Amino acid sequence: MTKTAAAMISFVQKEDLTLLNFPNEEVLSNLEATAQRRLALERAVVLGNTFKGKTKIVFEDVTGIKQIETNIWGLTDKRVILIQGIVIPINRIHEVKV
């Protein structure tokens, strides 16, 4: 992600995630990047469940790039599960900062 893109990131609260619309397209361009994202998400689940640590997630909905800082409680093949069953589609995540 470039500095220009980083400057245009909107910060959201987890409660607002239910109001967002996520397209079906993948945001990452190659298999290596998607594999790295998956590993980072798996580490974030351990961090959230074991140490109650928060993770920064940079993702994209239909209006643009956003960031949230929250605990990740679970992970499926297609979704990241946050507290209260709120989800983010994995294919819309650009970056995971554990």
C-alpha atoms as a PDB file:
ATOM      1  CA  MET A   1       0.000   0.000   0.000  1.00  0.00           C
ATOM      2  CA  THR A   2       1.396   3.389  -0.948  1.00  0.00           C
ATOM      3  CA  LYS A   3       1.699   6.423   1.328  1.00  0.00           C
ATOM      4  CA  THR A   4      -1.076   8.117  -0.663  1.00  0.00           C
ATOM      5  CA  ALA A   5      -3.401   5.162  -0.112  1.00  0.00           C
ATOM      6  CA  ALA A   6      -2.473   5.051   3.577  1.00  0.00           C
ATOM      7  CA  ALA A   7      -3.373   8.733   3.943  1.00  0.00           C
ATOM      8  CA  MET A   8      -6.855   8.040   2.540  1.00  0.00           C
ATOM      9  CA  ILE A   9      -7.803   5.302   5.009  1.00  0.00           C
ATOM     10  CA  SER A  10     -10.980   5.882   7.018  1.00  0.00           C
ATOM     11  CA  PHE A  11     -11.114   4.506  10.549  1.00  0.00           C
ATOM     12  CA  VAL A  12     -14.292   2.667  11.551  1.00  0.00           C
ATOM     13  CA  GLN A  13     -15.728   1.193  14.722  1.00  0.00           C
ATOM     14  CA  LYS A  14     -16.678  -2.491  14.762  1.00  0.00           C
ATOM     15  CA  GLU A  15     -20.328  -1.585  15.336  1.00  0.00           C
ATOM     16  CA  ASP A  16     -20.347   0.243  11.982  1.00  0.00           C
ATOM     17  CA  LEU A  17     -19.140  -2.822  10.035  1.00  0.00           C
ATOM     18  CA  THR A  18     -22.692  -4.131   9.731  1.00  0.00           C
ATOM     19  CA  LEU A  19     -23.568  -1.024   7.690  1.00  0.00           C
ATOM     20  CA  LEU A  20     -20.861  -1.605   5.059  1.00  0.00           C
ATOM     21  CA  ASN A  21     -21.305  -3.268   1.670  1.00  0.00           C
ATOM     22  CA  PHE A  22     -18.563  -5.659   0.541  1.00  0.00           C
ATOM     23  CA  PRO A  23     -18.147  -6.680  -3.130  1.00  0.00           C
ATOM     24  CA  ASN A  24     -17.161 -10.280  -3.932  1.00  0.00           C
ATOM     25  CA  GLU A  25     -13.876  -9.477  -5.722  1.00  0.00           C
ATOM     26  CA  GLU A  26     -10.469 -10.259  -4.203  1.00  0.00           C
ATOM     27  CA  VAL A  27      -8.418  -7.149  -3.317  1.00  0.00           C
ATOM     28  CA  LEU A  28      -4.988  -8.835  -3.411  1.00  0.00           C
ATOM     29  CA  SER A  29      -3.297  -9.555  -6.713  1.00  0.00           C
ATOM     30  CA  ASN A  30      -1.331 -12.769  -6.144  1.00  0.00           C
ATOM     31  CA  LEU A  31      -1.366 -16.083  -4.313  1.00  0.00           C
ATOM     32  CA  GLU A  32       1.666 -15.284  -2.169  1.00  0.00           C
ATOM     33  CA  ALA A  33      -0.040 -12.174  -0.785  1.00  0.00           C
ATOM     34  CA  THR A  34      -3.226 -14.109  -0.002  1.00  0.00           C
ATOM     35  CA  ALA A  35      -1.203 -16.828   1.756  1.00  0.00           C
ATOM     36  CA  GLN A  36       0.618 -14.200   3.852  1.00  0.00           C
ATOM     37  CA  ARG A  37      -2.708 -12.589   4.739  1.00  0.00           C
ATOM     38  CA  ARG A  38      -4.057 -15.959   5.909  1.00  0.00           C
ATOM     39  CA  LEU A  39      -1.003 -16.561   8.131  1.00  0.00           C
ATOM     40  CA  ALA A  40      -1.332 -13.096   9.655  1.00  0.00           C
ATOM     41  CA  LEU A  41      -5.024 -13.712  10.335  1.00  0.00           C
ATOM     42  CA  GLU A  42      -4.257 -17.041  12.013  1.00  0.00           C
ATOM     43  CA  ARG A  43      -1.690 -15.308  14.265  1.00  0.00           C
ATOM     44  CA  ALA A  44      -4.247 -12.599  15.028  1.00  0.00           C
ATOM     45  CA  VAL A  45      -6.795 -15.204  16.170  1.00  0.00           C
ATOM     46  CA  VAL A  46      -4.268 -16.589  18.660  1.00  0.00           C
ATOM     47  CA  LEU A  47      -3.422 -13.068  19.812  1.00  0.00           C
ATOM     48  CA  GLY A  48      -7.101 -12.202  20.274  1.00  0.00           C
ATOM     49  CA  ASN A  49      -8.143 -15.393  22.016  1.00  0.00           C
ATOM     50  CA  THR A  50      -5.086 -16.026  24.167  1.00  0.00           C
ATOM     51  CA  PHE A  51      -3.868 -12.551  25.054  1.00  0.00           C
ATOM     52  CA  LYS A  52      -6.953 -10.419  24.225  1.00  0.00           C
ATOM     53  CA  GLY A  53      -4.677  -8.434  21.923  1.00  0.00           C
ATOM     54  CA  LYS A  54      -6.027  -6.158  19.238  1.00  0.00           C
ATOM     55  CA  THR A  55      -5.186  -6.359  15.552  1.00  0.00           C
ATOM     56  CA  LYS A  56      -5.310  -3.635  12.900  1.00  0.00           C
ATOM     57  CA  ILE A  57      -7.157  -4.720   9.768  1.00  0.00           C
ATOM     58  CA  VAL A  58      -7.037  -2.657   6.569  1.00  0.00           C
ATOM     59  CA  PHE A  59      -9.909  -3.611   4.293  1.00  0.00           C
ATOM     60  CA  GLU A  60     -11.976  -2.269   1.408  1.00  0.00           C
ATOM     61  CA  ASP A  61     -15.716  -1.923   0.997  1.00  0.00           C
ATOM     62  CA  VAL A  62     -17.605  -0.340  -1.934  1.00  0.00           C
ATOM     63  CA  THR A  63     -16.734   3.197  -0.824  1.00  0.00           C
ATOM     64  CA  GLY A  64     -13.010   2.799  -0.176  1.00  0.00           C
ATOM     65  CA  ILE A  65     -10.250   1.631   2.129  1.00  0.00           C
ATOM     66  CA  LYS A  66     -10.912   1.499   5.844  1.00  0.00           C
ATOM     67  CA  GLN A  67      -9.148   0.360   9.003  1.00  0.00           C
ATOM     68  CA  ILE A  68     -10.345  -1.105  12.256  1.00  0.00           C
ATOM     69  CA  GLU A  69      -8.493  -2.091  15.409  1.00  0.00           C
ATOM     70  CA  THR A  70     -10.184  -4.966  17.200  1.00  0.00           C
ATOM     71  CA  ASN A  71      -9.862  -8.486  18.579  1.00  0.00           C
ATOM     72  CA  ILE A  72     -10.275 -11.305  16.079  1.00  0.00           C
ATOM     73  CA  TRP A  73     -12.218 -14.142  17.703  1.00  0.00           C
ATOM     74  CA  GLY A  74     -12.466 -16.608  14.843  1.00  0.00           C
ATOM     75  CA  LEU A  75     -11.700 -17.402  11.251  1.00  0.00           C
ATOM     76  CA  THR A  76     -13.519 -19.378   8.569  1.00  0.00           C
ATOM     77  CA  ASP A  77     -12.511 -20.051   4.977  1.00  0.00           C
ATOM     78  CA  LYS A  78     -14.172 -16.817   3.888  1.00  0.00           C
ATOM     79  CA  ARG A  79     -14.664 -14.578   6.917  1.00  0.00           C
ATOM     80  CA  VAL A  80     -12.946 -13.025   9.906  1.00  0.00           C
ATOM     81  CA  ILE A  81     -15.203 -13.187  12.952  1.00  0.00           C
ATOM     82  CA  LEU A  82     -15.138 -10.344  15.455  1.00  0.00           C
ATOM     83  CA  ILE A  83     -16.962  -9.960  18.758  1.00  0.00           C
ATOM     84  CA  GLN A  84     -20.775 -10.219  18.618  1.00  0.00           C
ATOM     85  CA  GLY A  85     -20.582 -12.237  15.381  1.00  0.00           C
ATOM     86  CA  ILE A  86     -19.589  -9.253  13.243  1.00  0.00           C
ATOM     87  CA  VAL A  87     -17.681 -10.409  10.158  1.00  0.00           C
ATOM     88  CA  ILE A  88     -15.343  -9.061   7.476  1.00  0.00           C
ATOM     89  CA  PRO A  89     -14.903 -11.019   4.233  1.00  0.00           C
ATOM     90  CA  ILE A  90     -11.281 -12.196   4.007  1.00  0.00           C
ATOM     91  CA  ASN A  91     -11.094 -11.413   0.275  1.00  0.00           C
ATOM     92  CA  ARG A  92     -11.628  -7.702   1.093  1.00  0.00           C
ATOM     93  CA  ILE A  93      -8.686  -7.457   3.525  1.00  0.00           C
ATOM     94  CA  HIS A  94      -5.561  -5.678   2.249  1.00  0.00           C
ATOM     95  CA  GLU A  95      -3.394  -5.921   5.336  1.00  0.00           C
ATOM     96  CA  VAL A  96      -3.326  -7.412   8.822  1.00  0.00           C
ATOM     97  CA  LYS A  97      -1.071  -5.784  11.422  1.00  0.00           C
ATOM     98  CA  VAL A  98      -0.590  -8.087  14.398  1.00  0.00           C
END
